[in-house]
Amino acid sequence: MIKFERRTLERFSLELPTWLFITNKNEKLDSIELVTSNVCAGGAFYKTENPLPSGFELRLDIIIPLDRLKNLKGKRSRIEVLGSVIRTEKQGMAVCFDKKYKISAYH
């Protein structure tokens, strides 16, 4: 059987620290710190032994190191985006990003 690649966006093998913010069953905000194993403009894969279920909605803060970009002030930038888990595997979970996001300096 021939396997076709369905992805239309280029993926990058980047390990970016990410804070995932989720609302627990007591309506309180919890956070989980994970690292991307690959990422593209439309989503990321997170290796974890405790993946969230498919359809689970969350807020993500992805930290981007900027130490190689001399013209930008600060050391890092943060991308705040909403997303949802679209696939869960034994090794982790795939998260799809919403098209709305905010980029800001992170100190």
PDB file of N, CA and C in Angstrom:
ATOM      1  N   MET A   1       0.843  -1.177   0.000  1.00  0.00           N
ATOM      2  CA  MET A   1       0.000   0.000   0.000  1.00  0.00           C
ATOM      3  C   MET A   1       0.891   1.244   0.000  1.00  0.00           C
ATOM      4  N   ILE A   2       0.598   2.171  -0.880  1.00  0.00           N
ATOM      5  CA  ILE A   2       1.354   3.417  -0.976  1.00  0.00           C
ATOM      6  C   ILE A   2       0.816   4.398   0.056  1.00  0.00           C
ATOM      7  N   LYS A   3       1.728   5.020   0.788  1.00  0.00           N
ATOM      8  CA  LYS A   3       1.338   5.992   1.818  1.00  0.00           C
ATOM      9  C   LYS A   3       1.595   7.395   1.280  1.00  0.00           C
ATOM     10  N   PHE A   4       0.569   8.247   1.297  1.00  0.00           N
ATOM     11  CA  PHE A   4       0.686   9.615   0.817  1.00  0.00           C
ATOM     12  C   PHE A   4       0.795  10.574   1.987  1.00  0.00           C
ATOM     13  N   GLU A   5       1.629  11.587   1.831  1.00  0.00           N
ATOM     14  CA  GLU A   5       1.780  12.627   2.847  1.00  0.00           C
ATOM     15  C   GLU A   5       0.609  13.604   2.711  1.00  0.00           C
ATOM     16  N   ARG A   6      -0.160  13.787   3.781  1.00  0.00           N
ATOM     17  CA  ARG A   6      -1.320  14.674   3.749  1.00  0.00           C
ATOM     18  C   ARG A   6      -0.986  16.078   4.220  1.00  0.00           C
ATOM     19  N   ARG A   7       0.158  16.253   4.838  1.00  0.00           N
ATOM     20  CA  ARG A   7       0.517  17.563   5.377  1.00  0.00           C
ATOM     21  C   ARG A   7       0.848  18.534   4.240  1.00  0.00           C
ATOM     22  N   THR A   8       0.333  19.751   4.350  1.00  0.00           N
ATOM     23  CA  THR A   8       0.615  20.761   3.343  1.00  0.00           C
ATOM     24  C   THR A   8       1.600  21.812   3.847  1.00  0.00           C
ATOM     25  N   LEU A   9       1.836  21.868   5.150  1.00  0.00           N
ATOM     26  CA  LEU A   9       2.749  22.839   5.737  1.00  0.00           C
ATOM     27  C   LEU A   9       4.058  22.154   6.113  1.00  0.00           C
ATOM     28  N   GLU A  10       5.173  22.854   5.881  1.00  0.00           N
ATOM     29  CA  GLU A  10       6.472  22.284   6.202  1.00  0.00           C
ATOM     30  C   GLU A  10       6.636  22.148   7.711  1.00  0.00           C
ATOM     31  N   ARG A  11       7.114  20.989   8.149  1.00  0.00           N
ATOM     32  CA  ARG A  11       7.350  20.719   9.568  1.00  0.00           C
ATOM     33  C   ARG A  11       8.825  20.878   9.879  1.00  0.00           C
ATOM     34  N   PHE A  12       9.088  21.317  11.114  1.00  0.00           N
ATOM     35  CA  PHE A  12      10.454  21.515  11.570  1.00  0.00           C
ATOM     36  C   PHE A  12      10.676  20.726  12.853  1.00  0.00           C
ATOM     37  N   SER A  13      11.796  20.056  12.940  1.00  0.00           N
ATOM     38  CA  SER A  13      12.148  19.300  14.144  1.00  0.00           C
ATOM     39  C   SER A  13      12.743  20.272  15.157  1.00  0.00           C
ATOM     40  N   LEU A  14      11.895  20.982  15.841  1.00  0.00           N
ATOM     41  CA  LEU A  14      12.314  21.964  16.840  1.00  0.00           C
ATOM     42  C   LEU A  14      11.808  21.557  18.202  1.00  0.00           C
ATOM     43  N   GLU A  15      12.654  21.709  19.190  1.00  0.00           N
ATOM     44  CA  GLU A  15      12.247  21.456  20.568  1.00  0.00           C
ATOM     45  C   GLU A  15      12.022  22.806  21.237  1.00  0.00           C
ATOM     46  N   LEU A  16      10.760  23.228  21.270  1.00  0.00           N
ATOM     47  CA  LEU A  16      10.388  24.517  21.832  1.00  0.00           C
ATOM     48  C   LEU A  16       9.608  24.308  23.117  1.00  0.00           C
ATOM     49  N   PRO A  17      10.057  24.943  24.212  1.00  0.00           N
ATOM     50  CA  PRO A  17       9.293  24.824  25.459  1.00  0.00           C
ATOM     51  C   PRO A  17       7.905  25.436  25.287  1.00  0.00           C
ATOM     52  N   THR A  18       6.918  24.772  25.844  1.00  0.00           N
ATOM     53  CA  THR A  18       5.532  25.217  25.708  1.00  0.00           C
ATOM     54  C   THR A  18       4.806  25.029  27.030  1.00  0.00           C
ATOM     55  N   TRP A  19       4.019  26.021  27.403  1.00  0.00           N
ATOM     56  CA  TRP A  19       3.100  25.888  28.534  1.00  0.00           C
ATOM     57  C   TRP A  19       1.717  25.643  27.949  1.00  0.00           C
ATOM     58  N   LEU A  20       1.081  24.556  28.339  1.00  0.00           N
ATOM     59  CA  LEU A  20      -0.286  24.254  27.953  1.00  0.00           C
ATOM     60  C   LEU A  20      -1.180  24.591  29.129  1.00  0.00           C
ATOM     61  N   PHE A  21      -2.179  25.412  28.886  1.00  0.00           N
ATOM     62  CA  PHE A  21      -3.111  25.816  29.941  1.00  0.00           C
ATOM     63  C   PHE A  21      -4.454  25.157  29.670  1.00  0.00           C
ATOM     64  N   ILE A  22      -4.934  24.414  30.665  1.00  0.00           N
ATOM     65  CA  ILE A  22      -6.195  23.687  30.537  1.00  0.00           C
ATOM     66  C   ILE A  22      -7.080  23.983  31.738  1.00  0.00           C
ATOM     67  N   THR A  23      -8.379  23.911  31.527  1.00  0.00           N
ATOM     68  CA  THR A  23      -9.330  24.078  32.618  1.00  0.00           C
ATOM     69  C   THR A  23      -9.671  22.690  33.147  1.00  0.00           C
ATOM     70  N   ASN A  24      -9.440  22.480  34.449  1.00  0.00           N
ATOM     71  CA  ASN A  24      -9.711  21.161  35.025  1.00  0.00           C
ATOM     72  C   ASN A  24     -11.196  21.020  35.355  1.00  0.00           C
ATOM     73  N   LYS A  25     -11.584  19.877  35.887  1.00  0.00           N
ATOM     74  CA  LYS A  25     -13.009  19.633  36.170  1.00  0.00           C
ATOM     75  C   LYS A  25     -13.559  20.527  37.273  1.00  0.00           C
ATOM     76  N   ASN A  26     -12.697  21.177  38.059  1.00  0.00           N
ATOM     77  CA  ASN A  26     -13.140  22.135  39.082  1.00  0.00           C
ATOM     78  C   ASN A  26     -13.157  23.566  38.551  1.00  0.00           C
ATOM     79  N   GLU A  27     -13.058  23.709  37.212  1.00  0.00           N
ATOM     80  CA  GLU A  27     -13.062  25.001  36.535  1.00  0.00           C
ATOM     81  C   GLU A  27     -11.869  25.876  36.907  1.00  0.00           C
ATOM     82  N   LYS A  28     -10.776  25.266  37.368  1.00  0.00           N
ATOM     83  CA  LYS A  28      -9.546  25.994  37.667  1.00  0.00           C
ATOM     84  C   LYS A  28      -8.562  25.775  36.532  1.00  0.00           C
ATOM     85  N   LEU A  29      -7.727  26.778  36.299  1.00  0.00           N
ATOM     86  CA  LEU A  29      -6.742  26.704  35.234  1.00  0.00           C
ATOM     87  C   LEU A  29      -5.495  25.978  35.714  1.00  0.00           C
ATOM     88  N   ASP A  30      -5.132  24.900  35.039  1.00  0.00           N
ATOM     89  CA  ASP A  30      -3.910  24.150  35.311  1.00  0.00           C
ATOM     90  C   ASP A  30      -2.937  24.382  34.167  1.00  0.00           C
ATOM     91  N   SER A  31      -1.656  24.195  34.432  1.00  0.00           N
ATOM     92  CA  SER A  31      -0.666  24.321  33.365  1.00  0.00           C
ATOM     93  C   SER A  31       0.220  23.076  33.338  1.00  0.00           C
ATOM     94  N   ILE A  32       0.643  22.749  32.133  1.00  0.00           N
ATOM     95  CA  ILE A  32       1.533  21.616  31.899  1.00  0.00           C
ATOM     96  C   ILE A  32       2.675  22.149  31.044  1.00  0.00           C
ATOM     97  N   GLU A  33       3.908  21.824  31.420  1.00  0.00           N
ATOM     98  CA  GLU A  33       5.041  22.235  30.602  1.00  0.00           C
ATOM     99  C   GLU A  33       5.505  21.047  29.757  1.00  0.00           C
ATOM    100  N   LEU A  34       5.515  21.232  28.441  1.00  0.00           N
ATOM    101  CA  LEU A  34       5.968  20.211  27.502  1.00  0.00           C
ATOM    102  C   LEU A  34       6.922  20.850  26.502  1.00  0.00           C
ATOM    103  N   VAL A  35       7.507  20.029  25.645  1.00  0.00           N
ATOM    104  CA  VAL A  35       8.415  20.504  24.610  1.00  0.00           C
ATOM    105  C   VAL A  35       7.946  19.927  23.279  1.00  0.00           C
ATOM    106  N   THR A  36       7.942  20.763  22.232  1.00  0.00           N
ATOM    107  CA  THR A  36       7.558  20.261  20.915  1.00  0.00           C
ATOM    108  C   THR A  36       8.609  19.283  20.413  1.00  0.00           C
ATOM    109  N   SER A  37       8.181  18.294  19.638  1.00  0.00           N
ATOM    110  CA  SER A  37       9.162  17.445  18.956  1.00  0.00           C
ATOM    111  C   SER A  37       9.222  17.819  17.480  1.00  0.00           C
ATOM    112  N   ASN A  38       8.121  18.317  16.954  1.00  0.00           N
ATOM    113  CA  ASN A  38       8.124  18.958  15.639  1.00  0.00           C
ATOM    114  C   ASN A  38       6.987  19.958  15.608  1.00  0.00           C
ATOM    115  N   VAL A  39       7.131  20.956  14.754  1.00  0.00           N
ATOM    116  CA  VAL A  39       6.171  22.055  14.741  1.00  0.00           C
ATOM    117  C   VAL A  39       6.054  22.613  13.329  1.00  0.00           C
ATOM    118  N   CYS A  40       4.880  23.127  12.997  1.00  0.00           N
ATOM    119  CA  CYS A  40       4.658  23.847  11.752  1.00  0.00           C
ATOM    120  C   CYS A  40       3.684  24.979  12.063  1.00  0.00           C
ATOM    121  N   ALA A  41       3.340  25.772  11.071  1.00  0.00           N
ATOM    122  CA  ALA A  41       2.437  26.904  11.296  1.00  0.00           C
ATOM    123  C   ALA A  41       1.051  26.447  11.747  1.00  0.00           C
ATOM    124  N   GLY A  42       0.681  25.210  11.456  1.00  0.00           N
ATOM    125  CA  GLY A  42      -0.653  24.736  11.792  1.00  0.00           C
ATOM    126  C   GLY A  42      -0.774  23.907  13.052  1.00  0.00           C
ATOM    127  N   GLY A  43       0.380  23.524  13.654  1.00  0.00           N
ATOM    128  CA  GLY A  43       0.287  22.701  14.846  1.00  0.00           C
ATOM    129  C   GLY A  43       1.631  22.153  15.282  1.00  0.00           C
ATOM    130  N   ALA A  44       1.584  21.292  16.284  1.00  0.00           N
ATOM    131  CA  ALA A  44       2.816  20.713  16.832  1.00  0.00           C
ATOM    132  C   ALA A  44       2.513  19.347  17.417  1.00  0.00           C
ATOM    133  N   PHE A  45       3.579  18.553  17.558  1.00  0.00           N
ATOM    134  CA  PHE A  45       3.463  17.272  18.235  1.00  0.00           C
ATOM    135  C   PHE A  45       4.243  17.355  19.533  1.00  0.00           C
ATOM    136  N   TYR A  46       3.629  16.871  20.604  1.00  0.00           N
ATOM    137  CA  TYR A  46       4.239  16.883  21.936  1.00  0.00           C
ATOM    138  C   TYR A  46       4.390  15.451  22.428  1.00  0.00           C
ATOM    139  N   LYS A  47       5.636  15.072  22.735  1.00  0.00           N
ATOM    140  CA  LYS A  47       5.859  13.756  23.339  1.00  0.00           C
ATOM    141  C   LYS A  47       5.475  13.840  24.813  1.00  0.00           C
ATOM    142  N   THR A  48       4.613  12.932  25.234  1.00  0.00           N
ATOM    143  CA  THR A  48       4.180  12.890  26.623  1.00  0.00           C
ATOM    144  C   THR A  48       3.639  11.505  26.939  1.00  0.00           C
ATOM    145  N   GLU A  49       3.847  11.066  28.157  1.00  0.00           N
ATOM    146  CA  GLU A  49       3.290   9.787  28.599  1.00  0.00           C
ATOM    147  C   GLU A  49       1.820   9.922  28.984  1.00  0.00           C
ATOM    148  N   ASN A  50       1.344  11.170  29.133  1.00  0.00           N
ATOM    149  CA  ASN A  50      -0.041  11.422  29.539  1.00  0.00           C
ATOM    150  C   ASN A  50      -0.714  12.373  28.554  1.00  0.00           C
ATOM    151  N   PRO A  51      -0.969  11.925  27.317  1.00  0.00           N
ATOM    152  CA  PRO A  51      -1.607  12.813  26.346  1.00  0.00           C
ATOM    153  C   PRO A  51      -3.046  13.139  26.734  1.00  0.00           C
ATOM    154  N   LEU A  52      -3.473  14.317  26.350  1.00  0.00           N
ATOM    155  CA  LEU A  52      -4.861  14.723  26.554  1.00  0.00           C
ATOM    156  C   LEU A  52      -5.723  14.050  25.490  1.00  0.00           C
ATOM    157  N   PRO A  53      -7.007  13.873  25.739  1.00  0.00           N
ATOM    158  CA  PRO A  53      -7.865  13.193  24.760  1.00  0.00           C
ATOM    159  C   PRO A  53      -8.124  14.049  23.521  1.00  0.00           C
ATOM    160  N   SER A  54      -8.396  13.386  22.407  1.00  0.00           N
ATOM    161  CA  SER A  54      -8.749  14.090  21.165  1.00  0.00           C
ATOM    162  C   SER A  54      -9.944  14.999  21.410  1.00  0.00           C
ATOM    163  N   GLY A  55      -9.898  16.178  20.804  1.00  0.00           N
ATOM    164  CA  GLY A  55     -10.972  17.161  20.956  1.00  0.00           C
ATOM    165  C   GLY A  55     -10.774  18.100  22.123  1.00  0.00           C
ATOM    166  N   PHE A  56      -9.814  17.817  22.995  1.00  0.00           N
ATOM    167  CA  PHE A  56      -9.569  18.645  24.173  1.00  0.00           C
ATOM    168  C   PHE A  56      -9.036  20.005  23.721  1.00  0.00           C
ATOM    169  N   GLU A  57      -9.653  21.096  24.201  1.00  0.00           N
ATOM    170  CA  GLU A  57      -9.230  22.444  23.828  1.00  0.00           C
ATOM    171  C   GLU A  57      -8.316  23.020  24.897  1.00  0.00           C
ATOM    172  N   LEU A  58      -7.328  23.797  24.465  1.00  0.00           N
ATOM    173  CA  LEU A  58      -6.351  24.345  25.397  1.00  0.00           C
ATOM    174  C   LEU A  58      -5.763  25.636  24.861  1.00  0.00           C
ATOM    175  N   ARG A  59      -5.060  26.357  25.740  1.00  0.00           N
ATOM    176  CA  ARG A  59      -4.298  27.541  25.351  1.00  0.00           C
ATOM    177  C   ARG A  59      -2.833  27.191  25.479  1.00  0.00           C
ATOM    178  N   LEU A  60      -2.026  27.638  24.534  1.00  0.00           N
ATOM    179  CA  LEU A  60      -0.605  27.323  24.530  1.00  0.00           C
ATOM    180  C   LEU A  60       0.222  28.599  24.524  1.00  0.00           C
ATOM    181  N   ASP A  61       1.311  28.607  25.261  1.00  0.00           N
ATOM    182  CA  ASP A  61       2.341  29.635  25.183  1.00  0.00           C
ATOM    183  C   ASP A  61       3.605  28.924  24.726  1.00  0.00           C
ATOM    184  N   ILE A  62       3.991  29.170  23.473  1.00  0.00           N
ATOM    185  CA  ILE A  62       5.182  28.545  22.901  1.00  0.00           C
ATOM    186  C   ILE A  62       6.323  29.546  22.985  1.00  0.00           C
ATOM    187  N   ILE A  63       7.446  29.142  23.571  1.00  0.00           N
ATOM    188  CA  ILE A  63       8.580  30.037  23.777  1.00  0.00           C
ATOM    189  C   ILE A  63       9.580  29.837  22.641  1.00  0.00           C
ATOM    190  N   ILE A  64       9.922  30.952  21.971  1.00  0.00           N
ATOM    191  CA  ILE A  64      10.847  30.929  20.843  1.00  0.00           C
ATOM    192  C   ILE A  64      12.136  31.647  21.241  1.00  0.00           C
ATOM    193  N   PRO A  65      13.279  30.950  21.310  1.00  0.00           N
ATOM    194  CA  PRO A  65      14.545  31.624  21.610  1.00  0.00           C
ATOM    195  C   PRO A  65      14.946  32.545  20.454  1.00  0.00           C
ATOM    196  N   LEU A  66      15.374  33.755  20.772  1.00  0.00           N
ATOM    197  CA  LEU A  66      15.740  34.721  19.734  1.00  0.00           C
ATOM    198  C   LEU A  66      17.212  35.114  19.803  1.00  0.00           C
ATOM    199  N   ASP A  67      18.033  34.346  20.462  1.00  0.00           N
ATOM    200  CA  ASP A  67      19.419  34.731  20.680  1.00  0.00           C
ATOM    201  C   ASP A  67      20.225  34.862  19.388  1.00  0.00           C
ATOM    202  N   ARG A  68      19.768  34.299  18.304  1.00  0.00           N
ATOM    203  CA  ARG A  68      20.498  34.408  17.042  1.00  0.00           C
ATOM    204  C   ARG A  68      20.022  35.570  16.180  1.00  0.00           C
ATOM    205  N   LEU A  69      18.952  36.237  16.571  1.00  0.00           N
ATOM    206  CA  LEU A  69      18.419  37.362  15.808  1.00  0.00           C
ATOM    207  C   LEU A  69      18.837  38.662  16.491  1.00  0.00           C
ATOM    208  N   LYS A  70      19.862  39.302  15.981  1.00  0.00           N
ATOM    209  CA  LYS A  70      20.490  40.438  16.650  1.00  0.00           C
ATOM    210  C   LYS A  70      19.614  41.684  16.710  1.00  0.00           C
ATOM    211  N   ASN A  71      18.712  41.877  15.764  1.00  0.00           N
ATOM    212  CA  ASN A  71      17.930  43.109  15.707  1.00  0.00           C
ATOM    213  C   ASN A  71      16.747  43.134  16.666  1.00  0.00           C
ATOM    214  N   LEU A  72      16.418  42.021  17.280  1.00  0.00           N
ATOM    215  CA  LEU A  72      15.281  41.977  18.185  1.00  0.00           C
ATOM    216  C   LEU A  72      15.754  42.127  19.618  1.00  0.00           C
ATOM    217  N   LYS A  73      15.023  42.917  20.386  1.00  0.00           N
ATOM    218  CA  LYS A  73      15.366  43.107  21.792  1.00  0.00           C
ATOM    219  C   LYS A  73      14.871  41.920  22.599  1.00  0.00           C
ATOM    220  N   GLY A  74      15.565  41.638  23.691  1.00  0.00           N
ATOM    221  CA  GLY A  74      15.166  40.525  24.539  1.00  0.00           C
ATOM    222  C   GLY A  74      15.816  39.231  24.089  1.00  0.00           C
ATOM    223  N   LYS A  75      15.615  38.207  24.846  1.00  0.00           N
ATOM    224  CA  LYS A  75      16.227  36.911  24.577  1.00  0.00           C
ATOM    225  C   LYS A  75      15.259  35.908  23.962  1.00  0.00           C
ATOM    226  N   ARG A  76      13.952  36.099  24.229  1.00  0.00           N
ATOM    227  CA  ARG A  76      12.971  35.136  23.748  1.00  0.00           C
ATOM    228  C   ARG A  76      11.685  35.849  23.370  1.00  0.00           C
ATOM    229  N   SER A  77      10.872  35.158  22.612  1.00  0.00           N
ATOM    230  CA  SER A  77       9.552  35.648  22.259  1.00  0.00           C
ATOM    231  C   SER A  77       8.547  34.547  22.598  1.00  0.00           C
ATOM    232  N   ARG A  78       7.311  34.939  22.788  1.00  0.00           N
ATOM    233  CA  ARG A  78       6.265  33.978  23.144  1.00  0.00           C
ATOM    234  C   ARG A  78       5.134  34.085  22.130  1.00  0.00           C
ATOM    235  N   ILE A  79       4.654  32.945  21.687  1.00  0.00           N
ATOM    236  CA  ILE A  79       3.471  32.895  20.837  1.00  0.00           C
ATOM    237  C   ILE A  79       2.345  32.327  21.675  1.00  0.00           C
ATOM    238  N   GLU A  80       1.277  33.108  21.825  1.00  0.00           N
ATOM    239  CA  GLU A  80       0.082  32.651  22.539  1.00  0.00           C
ATOM    240  C   GLU A  80      -0.946  32.248  21.490  1.00  0.00           C
ATOM    241  N   VAL A  81      -1.438  31.017  21.586  1.00  0.00           N
ATOM    242  CA  VAL A  81      -2.378  30.519  20.589  1.00  0.00           C
ATOM    243  C   VAL A  81      -3.348  29.539  21.247  1.00  0.00           C
ATOM    244  N   LEU A  82      -4.544  29.465  20.716  1.00  0.00           N
ATOM    245  CA  LEU A  82      -5.504  28.453  21.145  1.00  0.00           C
ATOM    246  C   LEU A  82      -5.348  27.244  20.241  1.00  0.00           C
ATOM    247  N   GLY A  83      -5.663  26.078  20.753  1.00  0.00           N
ATOM    248  CA  GLY A  83      -5.545  24.879  19.943  1.00  0.00           C
ATOM    249  C   GLY A  83      -6.408  23.764  20.485  1.00  0.00           C
ATOM    250  N   SER A  84      -6.388  22.655  19.771  1.00  0.00           N
ATOM    251  CA  SER A  84      -7.113  21.481  20.237  1.00  0.00           C
ATOM    252  C   SER A  84      -6.340  20.227  19.841  1.00  0.00           C
ATOM    253  N   VAL A  85      -6.468  19.217  20.672  1.00  0.00           N
ATOM    254  CA  VAL A  85      -5.805  17.945  20.414  1.00  0.00           C
ATOM    255  C   VAL A  85      -6.554  17.263  19.266  1.00  0.00           C
ATOM    256  N   ILE A  86      -5.816  16.905  18.215  1.00  0.00           N
ATOM    257  CA  ILE A  86      -6.471  16.264  17.067  1.00  0.00           C
ATOM    258  C   ILE A  86      -6.117  14.782  16.945  1.00  0.00           C
ATOM    259  N   ARG A  87      -5.031  14.382  17.630  1.00  0.00           N
ATOM    260  CA  ARG A  87      -4.638  12.975  17.570  1.00  0.00           C
ATOM    261  C   ARG A  87      -3.855  12.613  18.822  1.00  0.00           C
ATOM    262  N   THR A  88      -4.152  11.458  19.378  1.00  0.00           N
ATOM    263  CA  THR A  88      -3.431  10.957  20.540  1.00  0.00           C
ATOM    264  C   THR A  88      -2.795   9.624  20.165  1.00  0.00           C
ATOM    265  N   GLU A  89      -1.529   9.479  20.518  1.00  0.00           N
ATOM    266  CA  GLU A  89      -0.794   8.247  20.265  1.00  0.00           C
ATOM    267  C   GLU A  89      -0.117   7.805  21.549  1.00  0.00           C
ATOM    268  N   LYS A  90       0.457   6.636  21.522  1.00  0.00           N
ATOM    269  CA  LYS A  90       1.178   6.130  22.689  1.00  0.00           C
ATOM    270  C   LYS A  90       2.331   7.064  23.065  1.00  0.00           C
ATOM    271  N   GLN A  91       2.982   7.669  22.060  1.00  0.00           N
ATOM    272  CA  GLN A  91       4.141   8.530  22.294  1.00  0.00           C
ATOM    273  C   GLN A  91       3.779   9.972  22.636  1.00  0.00           C
ATOM    274  N   GLY A  92       2.541  10.395  22.409  1.00  0.00           N
ATOM    275  CA  GLY A  92       2.193  11.791  22.683  1.00  0.00           C
ATOM    276  C   GLY A  92       0.915  12.222  21.999  1.00  0.00           C
ATOM    277  N   MET A  93       0.863  13.515  21.648  1.00  0.00           N
ATOM    278  CA  MET A  93      -0.365  14.062  21.062  1.00  0.00           C
ATOM    279  C   MET A  93      -0.044  15.139  20.038  1.00  0.00           C
ATOM    280  N   ALA A  94      -0.899  15.232  19.040  1.00  0.00           N
ATOM    281  CA  ALA A  94      -0.806  16.262  18.017  1.00  0.00           C
ATOM    282  C   ALA A  94      -1.828  17.342  18.338  1.00  0.00           C
ATOM    283  N   VAL A  95      -1.378  18.604  18.294  1.00  0.00           N
ATOM    284  CA  VAL A  95      -2.246  19.738  18.594  1.00  0.00           C
ATOM    285  C   VAL A  95      -2.348  20.614  17.353  1.00  0.00           C
ATOM    286  N   CYS A  96      -3.564  20.959  16.973  1.00  0.00           N
ATOM    287  CA  CYS A  96      -3.834  21.860  15.856  1.00  0.00           C
ATOM    288  C   CYS A  96      -4.011  23.273  16.416  1.00  0.00           C
ATOM    289  N   PHE A  97      -3.328  24.253  15.817  1.00  0.00           N
ATOM    290  CA  PHE A  97      -3.416  25.644  16.278  1.00  0.00           C
ATOM    291  C   PHE A  97      -4.582  26.364  15.623  1.00  0.00           C
ATOM    292  N   ASP A  98      -5.187  27.281  16.367  1.00  0.00           N
ATOM    293  CA  ASP A  98      -6.175  28.203  15.835  1.00  0.00           C
ATOM    294  C   ASP A  98      -5.416  29.221  14.987  1.00  0.00           C
ATOM    295  N   LYS A  99      -6.090  29.869  14.061  1.00  0.00           N
ATOM    296  CA  LYS A  99      -5.418  30.845  13.198  1.00  0.00           C
ATOM    297  C   LYS A  99      -5.153  32.175  13.895  1.00  0.00           C
ATOM    298  N   LYS A 100      -5.781  32.414  15.027  1.00  0.00           N
ATOM    299  CA  LYS A 100      -5.553  33.653  15.769  1.00  0.00           C
ATOM    300  C   LYS A 100      -4.445  33.409  16.784  1.00  0.00           C
ATOM    301  N   TYR A 101      -3.482  34.295  16.836  1.00  0.00           N
ATOM    302  CA  TYR A 101      -2.379  34.156  17.785  1.00  0.00           C
ATOM    303  C   TYR A 101      -1.830  35.530  18.141  1.00  0.00           C
ATOM    304  N   LYS A 102      -1.025  35.572  19.176  1.00  0.00           N
ATOM    305  CA  LYS A 102      -0.399  36.808  19.632  1.00  0.00           C
ATOM    306  C   LYS A 102       1.076  36.519  19.884  1.00  0.00           C
ATOM    307  N   ILE A 103       1.952  37.351  19.333  1.00  0.00           N
ATOM    308  CA  ILE A 103       3.385  37.208  19.567  1.00  0.00           C
ATOM    309  C   ILE A 103       3.838  38.360  20.452  1.00  0.00           C
ATOM    310  N   SER A 104       4.570  38.053  21.522  1.00  0.00           N
ATOM    311  CA  SER A 104       5.035  39.100  22.435  1.00  0.00           C
ATOM    312  C   SER A 104       6.421  38.754  22.963  1.00  0.00           C
ATOM    313  N   ALA A 105       7.101  39.755  23.539  1.00  0.00           N
ATOM    314  CA  ALA A 105       8.399  39.525  24.153  1.00  0.00           C
ATOM    315  C   ALA A 105       8.201  38.692  25.413  1.00  0.00           C
ATOM    316  N   TYR A 106       9.167  37.874  25.720  1.00  0.00           N
ATOM    317  CA  TYR A 106       9.104  37.003  26.888  1.00  0.00           C
ATOM    318  C   TYR A 106      10.412  37.170  27.652  1.00  0.00           C
ATOM    319  N   HIS A 107      10.293  37.551  28.892  1.00  0.00           N
ATOM    320  CA  HIS A 107      11.515  37.833  29.687  1.00  0.00           C
ATOM    321  C   HIS A 107      11.732  36.771  30.722  1.00  0.00           C
TER     322      HIS A 107
END
